[in-house]
């Protein structure tokens, strides 16, 4: 089993930052989701507020160990957004 794909910070005052039934599988590795910038193409369970702000409060995709590879597969898309455009 890999150890780089999961991390918990139980001393964090916000742990867990989402409502979950079982904290033992809650990963803090992607505390701030790297896919947020992908908008509606992130693959998570999000909504938009009436003001057009992306609301990820019901999304646990970045907090589940089994989604590590799914997130890493989309990092190239995030990097593409960050590229300098000529």
PDB file of N, CA and C in Angstrom:
ATOM      1  N   UNK A   1       0.843  -1.182   0.000  1.00  0.00           N
ATOM      2  CA  UNK A   1       0.000   0.000   0.000  1.00  0.00           C
ATOM      3  C   UNK A   1       0.886   1.243   0.000  1.00  0.00           C
ATOM      4  N   UNK A   2       0.537   2.205  -0.841  1.00  0.00           N
ATOM      5  CA  UNK A   2       1.252   3.478  -0.885  1.00  0.00           C
ATOM      6  C   UNK A   2       0.925   4.300   0.356  1.00  0.00           C
ATOM      7  N   UNK A   3       1.869   5.111   0.771  1.00  0.00           N
ATOM      8  CA  UNK A   3       1.646   5.966   1.938  1.00  0.00           C
ATOM      9  C   UNK A   3       1.574   7.442   1.560  1.00  0.00           C
ATOM     10  N   UNK A   4       1.924   7.781   0.326  1.00  0.00           N
ATOM     11  CA  UNK A   4       1.922   9.168  -0.117  1.00  0.00           C
ATOM     12  C   UNK A   4       0.535   9.675  -0.516  1.00  0.00           C
ATOM     13  N   UNK A   5      -0.443   8.780  -0.602  1.00  0.00           N
ATOM     14  CA  UNK A   5      -1.762   9.160  -1.106  1.00  0.00           C
ATOM     15  C   UNK A   5      -2.782   9.452  -0.008  1.00  0.00           C
ATOM     16  N   UNK A   6      -2.329   9.560   1.231  1.00  0.00           N
ATOM     17  CA  UNK A   6      -3.254   9.792   2.345  1.00  0.00           C
ATOM     18  C   UNK A   6      -2.531  10.508   3.473  1.00  0.00           C
ATOM     19  N   UNK A   7      -3.212  11.475   4.070  1.00  0.00           N
ATOM     20  CA  UNK A   7      -2.650  12.225   5.194  1.00  0.00           C
ATOM     21  C   UNK A   7      -3.796  12.727   6.055  1.00  0.00           C
ATOM     22  N   UNK A   8      -3.638  12.655   7.357  1.00  0.00           N
ATOM     23  CA  UNK A   8      -4.623  13.234   8.280  1.00  0.00           C
ATOM     24  C   UNK A   8      -3.925  14.193   9.224  1.00  0.00           C
ATOM     25  N   UNK A   9      -4.580  15.293   9.471  1.00  0.00           N
ATOM     26  CA  UNK A   9      -4.079  16.282  10.439  1.00  0.00           C
ATOM     27  C   UNK A   9      -5.167  16.463  11.490  1.00  0.00           C
ATOM     28  N   UNK A  10      -5.234  15.516  12.410  1.00  0.00           N
ATOM     29  CA  UNK A  10      -6.310  15.500  13.397  1.00  0.00           C
ATOM     30  C   UNK A  10      -6.239  16.656  14.389  1.00  0.00           C
ATOM     31  N   UNK A  11      -5.078  17.302  14.505  1.00  0.00           N
ATOM     32  CA  UNK A  11      -4.973  18.444  15.409  1.00  0.00           C
ATOM     33  C   UNK A  11      -5.523  19.727  14.781  1.00  0.00           C
ATOM     34  N   UNK A  12      -5.813  19.688  13.494  1.00  0.00           N
ATOM     35  CA  UNK A  12      -6.364  20.864  12.815  1.00  0.00           C
ATOM     36  C   UNK A  12      -7.704  21.228  13.434  1.00  0.00           C
ATOM     37  N   UNK A  13      -7.901  22.500  13.699  1.00  0.00           N
ATOM     38  CA  UNK A  13      -9.150  22.943  14.319  1.00  0.00           C
ATOM     39  C   UNK A  13     -10.373  22.744  13.426  1.00  0.00           C
ATOM     40  N   UNK A  14     -10.157  22.441  12.166  1.00  0.00           N
ATOM     41  CA  UNK A  14     -11.270  22.220  11.241  1.00  0.00           C
ATOM     42  C   UNK A  14     -11.482  20.748  10.900  1.00  0.00           C
ATOM     43  N   UNK A  15     -10.672  19.860  11.469  1.00  0.00           N
ATOM     44  CA  UNK A  15     -10.767  18.437  11.128  1.00  0.00           C
ATOM     45  C   UNK A  15     -12.008  17.800  11.720  1.00  0.00           C
ATOM     46  N   UNK A  16     -12.771  17.085  10.919  1.00  0.00           N
ATOM     47  CA  UNK A  16     -12.780  17.116   9.458  1.00  0.00           C
ATOM     48  C   UNK A  16     -13.557  18.346   8.975  1.00  0.00           C
ATOM     49  N   UNK A  17     -13.183  18.859   7.856  1.00  0.00           N
ATOM     50  CA  UNK A  17     -13.799  20.098   7.358  1.00  0.00           C
ATOM     51  C   UNK A  17     -15.131  19.853   6.651  1.00  0.00           C
ATOM     52  N   UNK A  18     -15.501  18.599   6.476  1.00  0.00           N
ATOM     53  CA  UNK A  18     -16.791  18.226   5.898  1.00  0.00           C
ATOM     54  C   UNK A  18     -17.466  17.242   6.848  1.00  0.00           C
ATOM     55  N   UNK A  19     -18.781  17.179   6.790  1.00  0.00           N
ATOM     56  CA  UNK A  19     -19.506  16.207   7.596  1.00  0.00           C
ATOM     57  C   UNK A  19     -19.278  14.817   7.018  1.00  0.00           C
ATOM     58  N   UNK A  20     -18.799  13.911   7.859  1.00  0.00           N
ATOM     59  CA  UNK A  20     -18.566  12.528   7.456  1.00  0.00           C
ATOM     60  C   UNK A  20     -18.995  11.607   8.583  1.00  0.00           C
ATOM     61  N   UNK A  21     -19.389  10.403   8.213  1.00  0.00           N
ATOM     62  CA  UNK A  21     -19.777   9.410   9.214  1.00  0.00           C
ATOM     63  C   UNK A  21     -18.559   8.764   9.855  1.00  0.00           C
ATOM     64  N   UNK A  22     -17.497   8.564   9.066  1.00  0.00           N
ATOM     65  CA  UNK A  22     -16.308   7.889   9.563  1.00  0.00           C
ATOM     66  C   UNK A  22     -15.072   8.738   9.275  1.00  0.00           C
ATOM     67  N   UNK A  23     -14.487   9.305  10.310  1.00  0.00           N
ATOM     68  CA  UNK A  23     -13.317  10.171  10.153  1.00  0.00           C
ATOM     69  C   UNK A  23     -12.046   9.401   9.805  1.00  0.00           C
ATOM     70  N   UNK A  24     -12.020   8.098  10.033  1.00  0.00           N
ATOM     71  CA  UNK A  24     -10.789   7.331   9.839  1.00  0.00           C
ATOM     72  C   UNK A  24     -10.320   7.323   8.378  1.00  0.00           C
ATOM     73  N   UNK A  25     -11.220   7.486   7.433  1.00  0.00           N
ATOM     74  CA  UNK A  25     -10.851   7.497   6.027  1.00  0.00           C
ATOM     75  C   UNK A  25     -10.777   8.880   5.427  1.00  0.00           C
ATOM     76  N   UNK A  26     -10.855   9.915   6.260  1.00  0.00           N
ATOM     77  CA  UNK A  26     -10.857  11.293   5.771  1.00  0.00           C
ATOM     78  C   UNK A  26      -9.426  11.775   5.568  1.00  0.00           C
ATOM     79  N   UNK A  27      -9.073  12.106   4.344  1.00  0.00           N
ATOM     80  CA  UNK A  27      -7.721  12.542   4.011  1.00  0.00           C
ATOM     81  C   UNK A  27      -7.640  14.065   3.894  1.00  0.00           C
ATOM     82  N   UNK A  28      -6.599  14.609   4.480  1.00  0.00           N
ATOM     83  CA  UNK A  28      -6.341  16.050   4.422  1.00  0.00           C
ATOM     84  C   UNK A  28      -5.290  16.385   3.362  1.00  0.00           C
ATOM     85  N   UNK A  29      -4.856  15.398   2.602  1.00  0.00           N
ATOM     86  CA  UNK A  29      -3.785  15.595   1.627  1.00  0.00           C
ATOM     87  C   UNK A  29      -4.094  16.746   0.671  1.00  0.00           C
ATOM     88  N   UNK A  30      -5.301  16.791   0.169  1.00  0.00           N
ATOM     89  CA  UNK A  30      -5.710  17.875  -0.728  1.00  0.00           C
ATOM     90  C   UNK A  30      -6.646  18.803   0.034  1.00  0.00           C
ATOM     91  N   UNK A  31      -6.136  19.396   1.090  1.00  0.00           N
ATOM     92  CA  UNK A  31      -6.938  20.269   1.950  1.00  0.00           C
ATOM     93  C   UNK A  31      -7.671  21.314   1.109  1.00  0.00           C
ATOM     94  N   UNK A  32      -6.957  21.946   0.208  1.00  0.00           N
ATOM     95  CA  UNK A  32      -7.573  22.837  -0.772  1.00  0.00           C
ATOM     96  C   UNK A  32      -7.549  22.082  -2.091  1.00  0.00           C
ATOM     97  N   UNK A  33      -8.695  21.794  -2.611  1.00  0.00           N
ATOM     98  CA  UNK A  33      -8.792  20.946  -3.794  1.00  0.00           C
ATOM     99  C   UNK A  33      -8.059  21.561  -4.985  1.00  0.00           C
ATOM    100  N   UNK A  34      -7.097  20.844  -5.555  1.00  0.00           N
ATOM    101  CA  UNK A  34      -6.380  21.367  -6.709  1.00  0.00           C
ATOM    102  C   UNK A  34      -7.235  21.435  -7.975  1.00  0.00           C
ATOM    103  N   UNK A  35      -8.409  20.810  -7.938  1.00  0.00           N
ATOM    104  CA  UNK A  35      -9.273  20.797  -9.122  1.00  0.00           C
ATOM    105  C   UNK A  35     -10.325  21.908  -9.109  1.00  0.00           C
ATOM    106  N   UNK A  36     -10.361  22.697  -8.060  1.00  0.00           N
ATOM    107  CA  UNK A  36     -11.362  23.763  -7.939  1.00  0.00           C
ATOM    108  C   UNK A  36     -11.368  24.661  -9.180  1.00  0.00           C
ATOM    109  N   UNK A  37     -10.183  24.998  -9.657  1.00  0.00           N
ATOM    110  CA  UNK A  37     -10.056  25.920 -10.792  1.00  0.00           C
ATOM    111  C   UNK A  37     -10.631  25.360 -12.090  1.00  0.00           C
ATOM    112  N   UNK A  38     -10.898  24.069 -12.134  1.00  0.00           N
ATOM    113  CA  UNK A  38     -11.458  23.475 -13.355  1.00  0.00           C
ATOM    114  C   UNK A  38     -12.952  23.740 -13.495  1.00  0.00           C
ATOM    115  N   UNK A  39     -13.532  24.424 -12.531  1.00  0.00           N
ATOM    116  CA  UNK A  39     -14.951  24.757 -12.605  1.00  0.00           C
ATOM    117  C   UNK A  39     -15.816  23.528 -12.710  1.00  0.00           C
ATOM    118  N   UNK A  40     -16.707  23.515 -13.683  1.00  0.00           N
ATOM    119  CA  UNK A  40     -17.658  22.407 -13.805  1.00  0.00           C
ATOM    120  C   UNK A  40     -17.027  21.142 -14.396  1.00  0.00           C
ATOM    121  N   UNK A  41     -15.729  21.167 -14.672  1.00  0.00           N
ATOM    122  CA  UNK A  41     -15.032  20.006 -15.212  1.00  0.00           C
ATOM    123  C   UNK A  41     -14.166  19.316 -14.152  1.00  0.00           C
ATOM    124  N   UNK A  42     -14.347  19.671 -12.890  1.00  0.00           N
ATOM    125  CA  UNK A  42     -13.515  19.104 -11.826  1.00  0.00           C
ATOM    126  C   UNK A  42     -13.872  17.653 -11.520  1.00  0.00           C
ATOM    127  N   UNK A  43     -15.107  17.259 -11.750  1.00  0.00           N
ATOM    128  CA  UNK A  43     -15.520  15.893 -11.473  1.00  0.00           C
ATOM    129  C   UNK A  43     -16.062  15.676 -10.077  1.00  0.00           C
ATOM    130  N   UNK A  44     -16.201  16.740  -9.318  1.00  0.00           N
ATOM    131  CA  UNK A  44     -16.681  16.615  -7.941  1.00  0.00           C
ATOM    132  C   UNK A  44     -18.161  16.890  -7.794  1.00  0.00           C
ATOM    133  N   UNK A  45     -18.617  16.785  -6.560  1.00  0.00           N
ATOM    134  CA  UNK A  45     -20.018  17.017  -6.206  1.00  0.00           C
ATOM    135  C   UNK A  45     -20.161  18.445  -5.695  1.00  0.00           C
ATOM    136  N   UNK A  46     -20.394  19.376  -6.589  1.00  0.00           N
ATOM    137  CA  UNK A  46     -20.457  20.791  -6.239  1.00  0.00           C
ATOM    138  C   UNK A  46     -21.755  21.401  -6.745  1.00  0.00           C
ATOM    139  N   UNK A  47     -22.011  22.601  -6.289  1.00  0.00           N
ATOM    140  CA  UNK A  47     -23.119  23.402  -6.807  1.00  0.00           C
ATOM    141  C   UNK A  47     -22.588  24.817  -7.009  1.00  0.00           C
ATOM    142  N   UNK A  48     -23.394  25.650  -7.599  1.00  0.00           N
ATOM    143  CA  UNK A  48     -23.067  27.065  -7.694  1.00  0.00           C
ATOM    144  C   UNK A  48     -24.092  27.840  -6.881  1.00  0.00           C
ATOM    145  N   UNK A  49     -23.610  28.841  -6.157  1.00  0.00           N
ATOM    146  CA  UNK A  49     -24.523  29.673  -5.378  1.00  0.00           C
ATOM    147  C   UNK A  49     -25.291  30.579  -6.326  1.00  0.00           C
ATOM    148  N   UNK A  50     -26.257  31.273  -5.802  1.00  0.00           N
ATOM    149  CA  UNK A  50     -27.040  32.198  -6.631  1.00  0.00           C
ATOM    150  C   UNK A  50     -26.177  33.322  -7.199  1.00  0.00           C
ATOM    151  N   UNK A  51     -24.981  33.516  -6.619  1.00  0.00           N
ATOM    152  CA  UNK A  51     -24.061  34.552  -7.094  1.00  0.00           C
ATOM    153  C   UNK A  51     -22.997  33.999  -8.032  1.00  0.00           C
ATOM    154  N   UNK A  52     -23.115  32.727  -8.400  1.00  0.00           N
ATOM    155  CA  UNK A  52     -22.186  32.114  -9.339  1.00  0.00           C
ATOM    156  C   UNK A  52     -20.898  31.606  -8.717  1.00  0.00           C
ATOM    157  N   UNK A  53     -20.834  31.517  -7.398  1.00  0.00           N
ATOM    158  CA  UNK A  53     -19.645  31.027  -6.708  1.00  0.00           C
ATOM    159  C   UNK A  53     -19.743  29.502  -6.557  1.00  0.00           C
ATOM    160  N   UNK A  54     -18.668  28.822  -6.875  1.00  0.00           N
ATOM    161  CA  UNK A  54     -18.627  27.366  -6.766  1.00  0.00           C
ATOM    162  C   UNK A  54     -18.626  26.978  -5.286  1.00  0.00           C
ATOM    163  N   UNK A  55     -19.550  26.110  -4.911  1.00  0.00           N
ATOM    164  CA  UNK A  55     -19.696  25.655  -3.522  1.00  0.00           C
ATOM    165  C   UNK A  55     -19.381  24.161  -3.458  1.00  0.00           C
ATOM    166  N   UNK A  56     -18.270  23.823  -2.818  1.00  0.00           N
ATOM    167  CA  UNK A  56     -17.808  22.436  -2.728  1.00  0.00           C
ATOM    168  C   UNK A  56     -18.045  21.835  -1.344  1.00  0.00           C
ATOM    169  N   UNK A  57     -18.883  22.453  -0.553  1.00  0.00           N
ATOM    170  CA  UNK A  57     -19.066  22.001   0.824  1.00  0.00           C
ATOM    171  C   UNK A  57     -19.642  20.595   0.933  1.00  0.00           C
ATOM    172  N   UNK A  58     -20.273  20.082  -0.114  1.00  0.00           N
ATOM    173  CA  UNK A  58     -20.804  18.715  -0.091  1.00  0.00           C
ATOM    174  C   UNK A  58     -19.934  17.720  -0.864  1.00  0.00           C
ATOM    175  N   UNK A  59     -18.750  18.143  -1.242  1.00  0.00           N
ATOM    176  CA  UNK A  59     -17.871  17.296  -2.045  1.00  0.00           C
ATOM    177  C   UNK A  59     -16.779  16.666  -1.183  1.00  0.00           C
ATOM    178  N   UNK A  60     -16.655  15.362  -1.286  1.00  0.00           N
ATOM    179  CA  UNK A  60     -15.606  14.639  -0.561  1.00  0.00           C
ATOM    180  C   UNK A  60     -14.565  14.021  -1.496  1.00  0.00           C
ATOM    181  N   UNK A  61     -14.634  14.314  -2.783  1.00  0.00           N
ATOM    182  CA  UNK A  61     -13.714  13.706  -3.751  1.00  0.00           C
ATOM    183  C   UNK A  61     -12.250  13.867  -3.326  1.00  0.00           C
ATOM    184  N   UNK A  62     -11.769  15.075  -2.981  1.00  0.00           N
ATOM    185  CA  UNK A  62     -10.353  15.192  -2.629  1.00  0.00           C
ATOM    186  C   UNK A  62     -10.004  14.613  -1.255  1.00  0.00           C
ATOM    187  N   UNK A  63     -10.997  14.230  -0.496  1.00  0.00           N
ATOM    188  CA  UNK A  63     -10.765  13.734   0.861  1.00  0.00           C
ATOM    189  C   UNK A  63     -10.861  12.213   0.979  1.00  0.00           C
ATOM    190  N   UNK A  64     -10.949  11.535  -0.146  1.00  0.00           N
ATOM    191  CA  UNK A  64     -11.005  10.071  -0.141  1.00  0.00           C
ATOM    192  C   UNK A  64      -9.748   9.518  -0.799  1.00  0.00           C
ATOM    193  N   UNK A  65      -9.100   8.628  -0.099  1.00  0.00           N
ATOM    194  CA  UNK A  65      -7.845   8.046  -0.591  1.00  0.00           C
ATOM    195  C   UNK A  65      -8.000   7.448  -1.987  1.00  0.00           C
ATOM    196  N   UNK A  66      -9.123   6.807  -2.238  1.00  0.00           N
ATOM    197  CA  UNK A  66      -9.316   6.135  -3.525  1.00  0.00           C
ATOM    198  C   UNK A  66      -9.405   7.102  -4.706  1.00  0.00           C
ATOM    199  N   UNK A  67      -9.505   8.401  -4.439  1.00  0.00           N
ATOM    200  CA  UNK A  67      -9.585   9.389  -5.520  1.00  0.00           C
ATOM    201  C   UNK A  67      -8.241  10.036  -5.837  1.00  0.00           C
ATOM    202  N   UNK A  68      -7.180   9.616  -5.159  1.00  0.00           N
ATOM    203  CA  UNK A  68      -5.861  10.215  -5.383  1.00  0.00           C
ATOM    204  C   UNK A  68      -5.479  10.168  -6.872  1.00  0.00           C
ATOM    205  N   UNK A  69      -5.569   8.999  -7.478  1.00  0.00           N
ATOM    206  CA  UNK A  69      -5.184   8.869  -8.894  1.00  0.00           C
ATOM    207  C   UNK A  69      -6.100   9.664  -9.808  1.00  0.00           C
ATOM    208  N   UNK A  70      -7.363   9.746  -9.478  1.00  0.00           N
ATOM    209  CA  UNK A  70      -8.311  10.539 -10.270  1.00  0.00           C
ATOM    210  C   UNK A  70      -7.903  12.017 -10.259  1.00  0.00           C
ATOM    211  N   UNK A  71      -7.513  12.500  -9.106  1.00  0.00           N
ATOM    212  CA  UNK A  71      -7.086  13.901  -8.987  1.00  0.00           C
ATOM    213  C   UNK A  71      -5.777  14.122  -9.735  1.00  0.00           C
ATOM    214  N   UNK A  72      -4.813  13.236  -9.528  1.00  0.00           N
ATOM    215  CA  UNK A  72      -3.524  13.387 -10.195  1.00  0.00           C
ATOM    216  C   UNK A  72      -3.660  13.314 -11.713  1.00  0.00           C
ATOM    217  N   UNK A  73      -4.630  12.568 -12.209  1.00  0.00           N
ATOM    218  CA  UNK A  73      -4.845  12.471 -13.657  1.00  0.00           C
ATOM    219  C   UNK A  73      -5.322  13.795 -14.247  1.00  0.00           C
ATOM    220  N   UNK A  74      -5.895  14.665 -13.415  1.00  0.00           N
ATOM    221  CA  UNK A  74      -6.402  15.953 -13.900  1.00  0.00           C
ATOM    222  C   UNK A  74      -5.463  17.113 -13.612  1.00  0.00           C
ATOM    223  N   UNK A  75      -4.328  16.859 -12.970  1.00  0.00           N
ATOM    224  CA  UNK A  75      -3.397  17.933 -12.649  1.00  0.00           C
ATOM    225  C   UNK A  75      -2.872  18.608 -13.916  1.00  0.00           C
ATOM    226  N   UNK A  76      -2.720  17.860 -14.979  1.00  0.00           N
ATOM    227  CA  UNK A  76      -2.297  18.451 -16.252  1.00  0.00           C
ATOM    228  C   UNK A  76      -3.274  19.511 -16.737  1.00  0.00           C
ATOM    229  N   UNK A  77      -4.562  19.291 -16.521  1.00  0.00           N
ATOM    230  CA  UNK A  77      -5.573  20.278 -16.906  1.00  0.00           C
ATOM    231  C   UNK A  77      -5.420  21.554 -16.078  1.00  0.00           C
ATOM    232  N   UNK A  78      -5.104  21.401 -14.793  1.00  0.00           N
ATOM    233  CA  UNK A  78      -4.890  22.560 -13.924  1.00  0.00           C
ATOM    234  C   UNK A  78      -3.633  23.310 -14.368  1.00  0.00           C
ATOM    235  N   UNK A  79      -2.581  22.575 -14.687  1.00  0.00           N
ATOM    236  CA  UNK A  79      -1.337  23.196 -15.141  1.00  0.00           C
ATOM    237  C   UNK A  79      -1.549  23.959 -16.447  1.00  0.00           C
ATOM    238  N   UNK A  80      -2.399  23.437 -17.299  1.00  0.00           N
ATOM    239  CA  UNK A  80      -2.702  24.103 -18.562  1.00  0.00           C
ATOM    240  C   UNK A  80      -3.344  25.470 -18.305  1.00  0.00           C
ATOM    241  N   UNK A  81      -4.199  25.538 -17.303  1.00  0.00           N
ATOM    242  CA  UNK A  81      -4.821  26.818 -16.944  1.00  0.00           C
ATOM    243  C   UNK A  81      -3.801  27.844 -16.464  1.00  0.00           C
ATOM    244  N   UNK A  82      -2.733  27.352 -15.833  1.00  0.00           N
ATOM    245  CA  UNK A  82      -1.730  28.234 -15.248  1.00  0.00           C
ATOM    246  C   UNK A  82      -0.649  28.669 -16.240  1.00  0.00           C
ATOM    247  N   UNK A  83      -0.633  28.080 -17.411  1.00  0.00           N
ATOM    248  CA  UNK A  83       0.393  28.429 -18.398  1.00  0.00           C
ATOM    249  C   UNK A  83       0.276  29.880 -18.836  1.00  0.00           C
ATOM    250  N   UNK A  84       1.424  30.457 -19.090  1.00  0.00           N
ATOM    251  CA  UNK A  84       1.472  31.811 -19.622  1.00  0.00           C
ATOM    252  C   UNK A  84       0.977  31.780 -21.054  1.00  0.00           C
ATOM    253  N   UNK A  85       0.034  32.632 -21.335  1.00  0.00           N
ATOM    254  CA  UNK A  85      -0.508  32.717 -22.702  1.00  0.00           C
ATOM    255  C   UNK A  85       0.150  33.893 -23.411  1.00  0.00           C
ATOM    256  N   UNK A  86       0.665  33.618 -24.612  1.00  0.00           N
ATOM    257  CA  UNK A  86       1.328  34.689 -25.383  1.00  0.00           C
ATOM    258  C   UNK A  86       0.329  35.513 -26.131  1.00  0.00           C
TER     259      UNK A  86
END
